[in-house]
């Protein structure tokens, strides 16, 4: 499993955000992180934050499936609680990614080509405001 941790790259920034930066306990390979970055490139907003959120959601699903909730002697594991915390962090990262968006949005551009189309445009705008 290939592992690199270079904070000057987007891959390294994702690893930093999800705390997958210890070579001895790597959860995602470089190819996995690159796939998250590729999928996040199509989304509006910060790609690194979107990729980090997707990675955390994936990791949270794994935690919930693998750990479950177990009590054995004096040791407790609560996979669902860990997964919930990871998903909450992913939601926060997504919100931050959308806030950094530069997309101003676009509604409808309507062009008046003559007197009658201008009257229709003004009437439609008055109806929308009601």
N, C-alpha and C. Protein backbone atom coordinates (compact mmCIF):
# COMPACT_ATOMS: atom_id res chain seq x y z
N UNK A 1 0.85 -1.16 0.00
CA UNK A 1 0.00 0.00 0.00
C UNK A 1 0.90 1.24 0.00
N UNK A 2 0.76 2.05 -1.04
CA UNK A 2 1.58 3.25 -1.15
C UNK A 2 1.08 4.32 -0.17
N UNK A 3 2.04 4.96 0.50
CA UNK A 3 1.71 6.00 1.47
C UNK A 3 2.71 7.14 1.33
N UNK A 4 2.19 8.33 1.07
CA UNK A 4 3.02 9.53 1.10
C UNK A 4 2.30 10.58 1.92
N UNK A 5 3.07 11.39 2.60
CA UNK A 5 2.50 12.44 3.44
C UNK A 5 3.29 13.72 3.20
N UNK A 6 2.84 14.49 2.25
CA UNK A 6 3.49 15.73 1.87
C UNK A 6 2.43 16.83 1.91
N UNK A 7 2.57 17.75 2.86
CA UNK A 7 1.54 18.78 3.08
C UNK A 7 1.48 19.82 1.97
N UNK A 8 2.38 19.77 1.02
CA UNK A 8 2.31 20.71 -0.10
C UNK A 8 1.38 20.19 -1.20
N UNK A 9 0.92 18.95 -1.07
CA UNK A 9 0.01 18.37 -2.06
C UNK A 9 -1.40 18.27 -1.48
N UNK A 10 -2.39 18.18 -2.37
CA UNK A 10 -3.77 18.00 -1.92
C UNK A 10 -3.93 16.68 -1.17
N UNK A 11 -3.22 15.66 -1.60
CA UNK A 11 -3.29 14.36 -0.92
C UNK A 11 -2.83 14.49 0.53
N UNK A 12 -1.74 15.20 0.75
CA UNK A 12 -1.24 15.42 2.09
C UNK A 12 -2.20 16.24 2.94
N UNK A 13 -2.85 17.21 2.33
CA UNK A 13 -3.83 18.03 3.07
C UNK A 13 -5.04 17.20 3.48
N UNK A 14 -5.48 16.30 2.60
CA UNK A 14 -6.59 15.41 2.96
C UNK A 14 -6.17 14.52 4.12
N UNK A 15 -4.97 13.95 4.03
CA UNK A 15 -4.48 13.08 5.12
C UNK A 15 -4.42 13.85 6.44
N UNK A 16 -4.00 15.10 6.40
CA UNK A 16 -3.94 15.92 7.61
C UNK A 16 -5.33 16.13 8.19
N UNK A 17 -6.31 16.46 7.36
CA UNK A 17 -7.67 16.73 7.83
C UNK A 17 -8.34 15.49 8.43
N UNK A 18 -8.04 14.33 7.90
CA UNK A 18 -8.69 13.12 8.41
C UNK A 18 -7.80 12.36 9.40
N UNK A 19 -6.63 12.91 9.68
CA UNK A 19 -5.68 12.31 10.62
C UNK A 19 -5.27 10.89 10.22
N UNK A 20 -5.03 10.70 8.94
CA UNK A 20 -4.52 9.43 8.42
C UNK A 20 -3.07 9.67 8.01
N UNK A 21 -2.26 10.12 8.97
CA UNK A 21 -0.91 10.55 8.64
C UNK A 21 0.18 9.76 9.35
N UNK A 22 -0.17 8.67 10.00
CA UNK A 22 0.82 7.83 10.68
C UNK A 22 1.10 6.62 9.79
N UNK A 23 2.32 6.54 9.29
CA UNK A 23 2.66 5.47 8.34
C UNK A 23 2.47 4.07 8.92
N UNK A 24 2.57 3.94 10.24
CA UNK A 24 2.42 2.63 10.87
C UNK A 24 0.95 2.18 10.88
N UNK A 25 0.03 3.12 10.82
CA UNK A 25 -1.41 2.78 10.90
C UNK A 25 -2.19 3.48 9.79
N UNK A 26 -1.81 3.24 8.57
CA UNK A 26 -2.46 3.88 7.43
C UNK A 26 -3.80 3.21 7.15
N UNK A 27 -4.83 4.02 6.95
CA UNK A 27 -6.14 3.48 6.60
C UNK A 27 -6.38 3.55 5.09
N UNK A 28 -6.02 4.68 4.46
CA UNK A 28 -6.23 4.86 3.03
C UNK A 28 -4.89 4.87 2.30
N UNK A 29 -4.87 4.23 1.14
CA UNK A 29 -3.68 4.29 0.29
C UNK A 29 -3.68 5.61 -0.48
N UNK A 30 -2.57 5.91 -1.13
CA UNK A 30 -2.50 7.10 -1.95
C UNK A 30 -3.55 7.05 -3.06
N UNK A 31 -3.75 5.88 -3.64
CA UNK A 31 -4.75 5.74 -4.71
C UNK A 31 -6.15 6.03 -4.19
N UNK A 32 -6.45 5.62 -2.96
CA UNK A 32 -7.75 5.91 -2.37
C UNK A 32 -7.95 7.41 -2.22
N UNK A 33 -6.95 8.09 -1.67
CA UNK A 33 -7.04 9.54 -1.46
C UNK A 33 -7.19 10.24 -2.81
N UNK A 34 -6.42 9.80 -3.80
CA UNK A 34 -6.52 10.39 -5.14
C UNK A 34 -7.92 10.20 -5.73
N UNK A 35 -8.54 9.04 -5.47
CA UNK A 35 -9.89 8.80 -5.96
C UNK A 35 -10.89 9.75 -5.28
N UNK A 36 -10.74 9.97 -3.98
CA UNK A 36 -11.61 10.93 -3.30
C UNK A 36 -11.43 12.33 -3.88
N UNK A 37 -10.20 12.71 -4.17
CA UNK A 37 -9.93 14.03 -4.76
C UNK A 37 -10.54 14.15 -6.15
N UNK A 38 -10.45 13.09 -6.93
CA UNK A 38 -11.03 13.10 -8.28
C UNK A 38 -12.55 13.25 -8.22
N UNK A 39 -13.19 12.50 -7.32
CA UNK A 39 -14.65 12.60 -7.19
C UNK A 39 -15.07 13.97 -6.68
N UNK A 40 -14.28 14.57 -5.80
CA UNK A 40 -14.63 15.86 -5.22
C UNK A 40 -14.38 17.01 -6.19
N UNK A 41 -13.60 16.78 -7.23
CA UNK A 41 -13.29 17.86 -8.18
C UNK A 41 -14.54 18.35 -8.90
N UNK A 42 -15.56 17.50 -9.02
CA UNK A 42 -16.79 17.88 -9.72
C UNK A 42 -17.75 18.67 -8.83
N UNK A 43 -17.48 18.72 -7.53
CA UNK A 43 -18.38 19.40 -6.60
C UNK A 43 -18.04 20.87 -6.47
N UNK A 44 -19.04 21.65 -6.10
CA UNK A 44 -18.84 23.08 -5.93
C UNK A 44 -18.19 23.35 -4.58
N UNK A 45 -17.12 24.12 -4.56
CA UNK A 45 -16.47 24.45 -3.31
C UNK A 45 -15.06 23.87 -3.23
N UNK A 46 -14.52 23.83 -2.04
CA UNK A 46 -13.16 23.38 -1.78
C UNK A 46 -13.02 21.87 -2.00
N UNK A 47 -12.21 21.48 -2.96
CA UNK A 47 -12.04 20.08 -3.31
C UNK A 47 -11.42 19.28 -2.17
N UNK A 48 -10.43 19.85 -1.49
CA UNK A 48 -9.74 19.12 -0.41
C UNK A 48 -10.72 18.83 0.72
N UNK A 49 -11.55 19.80 1.08
CA UNK A 49 -12.52 19.57 2.16
C UNK A 49 -13.58 18.54 1.75
N UNK A 50 -14.05 18.62 0.51
CA UNK A 50 -15.03 17.63 0.04
C UNK A 50 -14.41 16.23 0.05
N UNK A 51 -13.19 16.11 -0.43
CA UNK A 51 -12.51 14.80 -0.46
C UNK A 51 -12.30 14.30 0.97
N UNK A 52 -11.94 15.19 1.88
CA UNK A 52 -11.75 14.80 3.28
C UNK A 52 -13.06 14.31 3.89
N UNK A 53 -14.15 15.00 3.58
CA UNK A 53 -15.46 14.60 4.11
C UNK A 53 -15.86 13.23 3.57
N UNK A 54 -15.64 13.00 2.28
CA UNK A 54 -15.97 11.69 1.70
C UNK A 54 -15.12 10.59 2.33
N UNK A 55 -13.84 10.87 2.55
CA UNK A 55 -12.96 9.89 3.17
C UNK A 55 -13.41 9.58 4.59
N UNK A 56 -13.78 10.61 5.35
CA UNK A 56 -14.26 10.39 6.72
C UNK A 56 -15.55 9.58 6.73
N UNK A 57 -16.46 9.86 5.80
CA UNK A 57 -17.70 9.07 5.72
C UNK A 57 -17.40 7.61 5.43
N UNK A 58 -16.47 7.37 4.52
CA UNK A 58 -16.10 6.00 4.20
C UNK A 58 -15.48 5.30 5.41
N UNK A 59 -14.61 6.00 6.09
CA UNK A 59 -13.95 5.46 7.27
C UNK A 59 -14.97 5.20 8.38
N UNK A 60 -15.92 6.12 8.53
CA UNK A 60 -16.97 5.96 9.56
C UNK A 60 -17.81 4.73 9.29
N UNK A 61 -18.14 4.49 8.04
CA UNK A 61 -18.91 3.29 7.70
C UNK A 61 -18.14 2.04 8.08
N UNK A 62 -16.84 2.04 7.81
CA UNK A 62 -16.00 0.91 8.18
C UNK A 62 -15.99 0.72 9.70
N UNK A 63 -15.86 1.81 10.45
CA UNK A 63 -15.83 1.72 11.91
C UNK A 63 -17.12 1.13 12.45
N UNK A 64 -18.24 1.58 11.90
CA UNK A 64 -19.53 1.09 12.38
C UNK A 64 -19.71 -0.39 12.07
N UNK A 65 -19.21 -0.83 10.90
CA UNK A 65 -19.36 -2.24 10.52
C UNK A 65 -18.41 -3.15 11.28
N UNK A 66 -17.18 -2.70 11.47
CA UNK A 66 -16.16 -3.55 12.06
C UNK A 66 -16.22 -3.56 13.59
N UNK A 67 -16.27 -2.38 14.19
CA UNK A 67 -16.19 -2.32 15.65
C UNK A 67 -17.48 -2.70 16.36
N UNK A 68 -18.59 -2.28 15.81
CA UNK A 68 -19.88 -2.47 16.46
C UNK A 68 -19.81 -1.94 17.89
N UNK A 69 -20.69 -2.35 18.75
CA UNK A 69 -20.64 -1.94 20.15
C UNK A 69 -20.40 -3.19 20.98
N UNK A 70 -19.24 -3.26 21.61
CA UNK A 70 -18.83 -4.47 22.31
C UNK A 70 -18.34 -4.12 23.71
N UNK A 71 -18.73 -4.94 24.68
CA UNK A 71 -18.19 -4.84 26.03
C UNK A 71 -17.62 -6.20 26.39
N UNK A 72 -16.33 -6.22 26.71
CA UNK A 72 -15.65 -7.46 27.05
C UNK A 72 -14.80 -7.19 28.28
N UNK A 73 -15.16 -7.80 29.38
CA UNK A 73 -14.51 -7.55 30.66
C UNK A 73 -14.61 -6.06 30.98
N UNK A 74 -13.48 -5.39 31.10
CA UNK A 74 -13.50 -3.96 31.40
C UNK A 74 -13.27 -3.08 30.16
N UNK A 75 -13.28 -3.67 28.98
CA UNK A 75 -12.99 -2.93 27.76
C UNK A 75 -14.28 -2.73 26.98
N UNK A 76 -14.52 -1.47 26.60
CA UNK A 76 -15.70 -1.13 25.80
C UNK A 76 -15.25 -0.54 24.47
N UNK A 77 -15.91 -0.94 23.40
CA UNK A 77 -15.73 -0.28 22.11
C UNK A 77 -17.10 0.13 21.63
N UNK A 78 -17.19 1.30 21.06
CA UNK A 78 -18.47 1.81 20.58
C UNK A 78 -18.29 2.35 19.16
N UNK A 79 -18.27 1.43 18.21
CA UNK A 79 -18.09 1.78 16.80
C UNK A 79 -19.13 2.77 16.29
N UNK A 80 -20.42 2.57 16.63
CA UNK A 80 -21.42 3.54 16.15
C UNK A 80 -21.18 4.96 16.66
N UNK A 81 -20.71 5.10 17.90
CA UNK A 81 -20.43 6.44 18.43
C UNK A 81 -19.23 7.06 17.70
N UNK A 82 -18.22 6.25 17.42
CA UNK A 82 -17.06 6.75 16.67
C UNK A 82 -17.50 7.16 15.27
N UNK A 83 -18.31 6.32 14.64
CA UNK A 83 -18.79 6.62 13.29
C UNK A 83 -19.62 7.91 13.29
N UNK A 84 -20.44 8.10 14.31
CA UNK A 84 -21.27 9.31 14.39
C UNK A 84 -20.39 10.55 14.49
N UNK A 85 -19.37 10.50 15.33
CA UNK A 85 -18.45 11.64 15.47
C UNK A 85 -17.73 11.93 14.15
N UNK A 86 -17.33 10.88 13.45
CA UNK A 86 -16.63 11.06 12.18
C UNK A 86 -17.57 11.68 11.14
N UNK A 87 -18.83 11.23 11.13
CA UNK A 87 -19.80 11.79 10.17
C UNK A 87 -20.11 13.25 10.49
N UNK A 88 -20.16 13.60 11.78
CA UNK A 88 -20.38 15.00 12.15
C UNK A 88 -19.21 15.87 11.67
N UNK A 89 -18.01 15.36 11.79
CA UNK A 89 -16.84 16.09 11.31
C UNK A 89 -16.90 16.22 9.78
N UNK A 90 -17.34 15.16 9.11
CA UNK A 90 -17.47 15.21 7.65
C UNK A 90 -18.50 16.26 7.24
N UNK A 91 -19.61 16.35 7.98
CA UNK A 91 -20.63 17.35 7.67
C UNK A 91 -20.08 18.76 7.85
N UNK A 92 -19.27 18.96 8.88
CA UNK A 92 -18.64 20.26 9.10
C UNK A 92 -17.69 20.61 7.95
N UNK A 93 -16.91 19.64 7.50
CA UNK A 93 -16.01 19.88 6.37
C UNK A 93 -16.78 20.23 5.10
N UNK A 94 -17.90 19.56 4.87
CA UNK A 94 -18.71 19.87 3.69
C UNK A 94 -19.27 21.29 3.77
N UNK A 95 -19.73 21.68 4.94
CA UNK A 95 -20.24 23.03 5.11
C UNK A 95 -19.14 24.06 4.84
N UNK A 96 -17.95 23.80 5.34
CA UNK A 96 -16.83 24.71 5.09
C UNK A 96 -16.48 24.75 3.60
N UNK A 97 -16.58 23.61 2.94
CA UNK A 97 -16.27 23.55 1.50
C UNK A 97 -17.27 24.39 0.72
N UNK A 98 -18.55 24.29 1.05
CA UNK A 98 -19.56 25.07 0.35
C UNK A 98 -19.42 26.57 0.63
N UNK A 99 -18.99 26.93 1.85
CA UNK A 99 -18.81 28.34 2.19
C UNK A 99 -17.67 28.96 1.40
N UNK A 100 -16.70 28.15 1.01
CA UNK A 100 -15.57 28.68 0.25
C UNK A 100 -15.86 28.74 -1.24
N UNK A 101 -17.07 28.40 -1.63
CA UNK A 101 -17.45 28.39 -3.04
C UNK A 101 -17.46 29.81 -3.60
N UNK A 102 -17.01 29.95 -4.83
CA UNK A 102 -17.03 31.25 -5.50
C UNK A 102 -18.18 31.33 -6.50
N UNK A 103 -19.00 30.30 -6.57
CA UNK A 103 -20.13 30.28 -7.49
C UNK A 103 -21.21 31.23 -6.99
N UNK A 104 -21.50 32.27 -7.76
CA UNK A 104 -22.50 33.26 -7.36
C UNK A 104 -23.91 32.78 -7.69
N UNK A 105 -24.01 31.73 -8.45
CA UNK A 105 -25.33 31.24 -8.81
C UNK A 105 -25.86 31.94 -10.05
N UNK A 106 -26.90 31.40 -10.61
CA UNK A 106 -27.49 31.97 -11.81
C UNK A 106 -28.93 31.54 -11.87
N UNK A 107 -29.80 32.50 -11.97
CA UNK A 107 -31.22 32.16 -12.05
C UNK A 107 -31.63 32.07 -13.51
N UNK A 108 -32.24 33.12 -14.00
CA UNK A 108 -32.69 33.13 -15.39
C UNK A 108 -32.39 34.51 -15.97
N UNK A 109 -31.84 34.52 -17.15
CA UNK A 109 -31.62 35.78 -17.86
C UNK A 109 -32.69 35.86 -18.94
N UNK A 110 -33.52 36.88 -18.84
CA UNK A 110 -34.62 37.02 -19.79
C UNK A 110 -34.39 38.30 -20.58
N UNK A 111 -34.49 38.18 -21.87
CA UNK A 111 -34.21 39.32 -22.72
C UNK A 111 -35.51 39.82 -23.34
N UNK A 112 -35.70 41.12 -23.26
CA UNK A 112 -36.88 41.73 -23.88
C UNK A 112 -36.52 42.14 -25.31
N UNK A 113 -37.19 41.54 -26.28
CA UNK A 113 -36.87 41.80 -27.68
C UNK A 113 -37.75 42.87 -28.31
N UNK A 114 -38.75 43.25 -27.61
CA UNK A 114 -39.67 44.27 -28.11
C UNK A 114 -40.60 44.70 -27.01
N UNK A 115 -41.55 45.58 -27.36
CA UNK A 115 -42.47 46.12 -26.36
C UNK A 115 -43.31 45.01 -25.71
N UNK A 116 -43.85 44.12 -26.50
CA UNK A 116 -44.72 43.08 -25.95
C UNK A 116 -43.96 42.10 -25.05
N UNK A 117 -42.74 41.73 -25.44
CA UNK A 117 -41.96 40.82 -24.59
C UNK A 117 -41.52 41.53 -23.31
N UNK A 118 -41.29 42.86 -23.39
CA UNK A 118 -40.94 43.62 -22.19
C UNK A 118 -42.13 43.66 -21.22
N UNK A 119 -43.33 43.89 -21.73
CA UNK A 119 -44.53 43.91 -20.89
C UNK A 119 -44.73 42.54 -20.24
N UNK A 120 -44.53 41.47 -21.00
CA UNK A 120 -44.67 40.12 -20.45
C UNK A 120 -43.63 39.86 -19.36
N UNK A 121 -42.41 40.31 -19.57
CA UNK A 121 -41.35 40.14 -18.57
C UNK A 121 -41.70 40.88 -17.28
N UNK A 122 -42.13 42.12 -17.39
CA UNK A 122 -42.50 42.91 -16.21
C UNK A 122 -43.66 42.28 -15.47
N UNK A 123 -44.64 41.78 -16.22
CA UNK A 123 -45.81 41.12 -15.61
C UNK A 123 -45.38 39.86 -14.89
N UNK A 124 -44.52 39.07 -15.50
CA UNK A 124 -44.05 37.82 -14.87
C UNK A 124 -43.26 38.12 -13.60
N UNK A 125 -42.43 39.15 -13.62
CA UNK A 125 -41.67 39.50 -12.42
C UNK A 125 -42.59 39.98 -11.31
N UNK A 126 -43.65 40.71 -11.66
CA UNK A 126 -44.60 41.17 -10.64
C UNK A 126 -45.35 39.99 -10.04
N UNK A 127 -45.66 39.00 -10.84
CA UNK A 127 -46.35 37.81 -10.34
C UNK A 127 -45.44 37.02 -9.41
N UNK A 128 -44.14 36.90 -9.76
CA UNK A 128 -43.18 36.16 -8.93
C UNK A 128 -43.00 36.79 -7.57
N UNK A 129 -43.07 38.13 -7.49
CA UNK A 129 -42.85 38.83 -6.23
C UNK A 129 -44.02 38.69 -5.26
N UNK A 130 -45.18 38.29 -5.76
CA UNK A 130 -46.36 38.19 -4.90
C UNK A 130 -46.34 36.96 -4.06
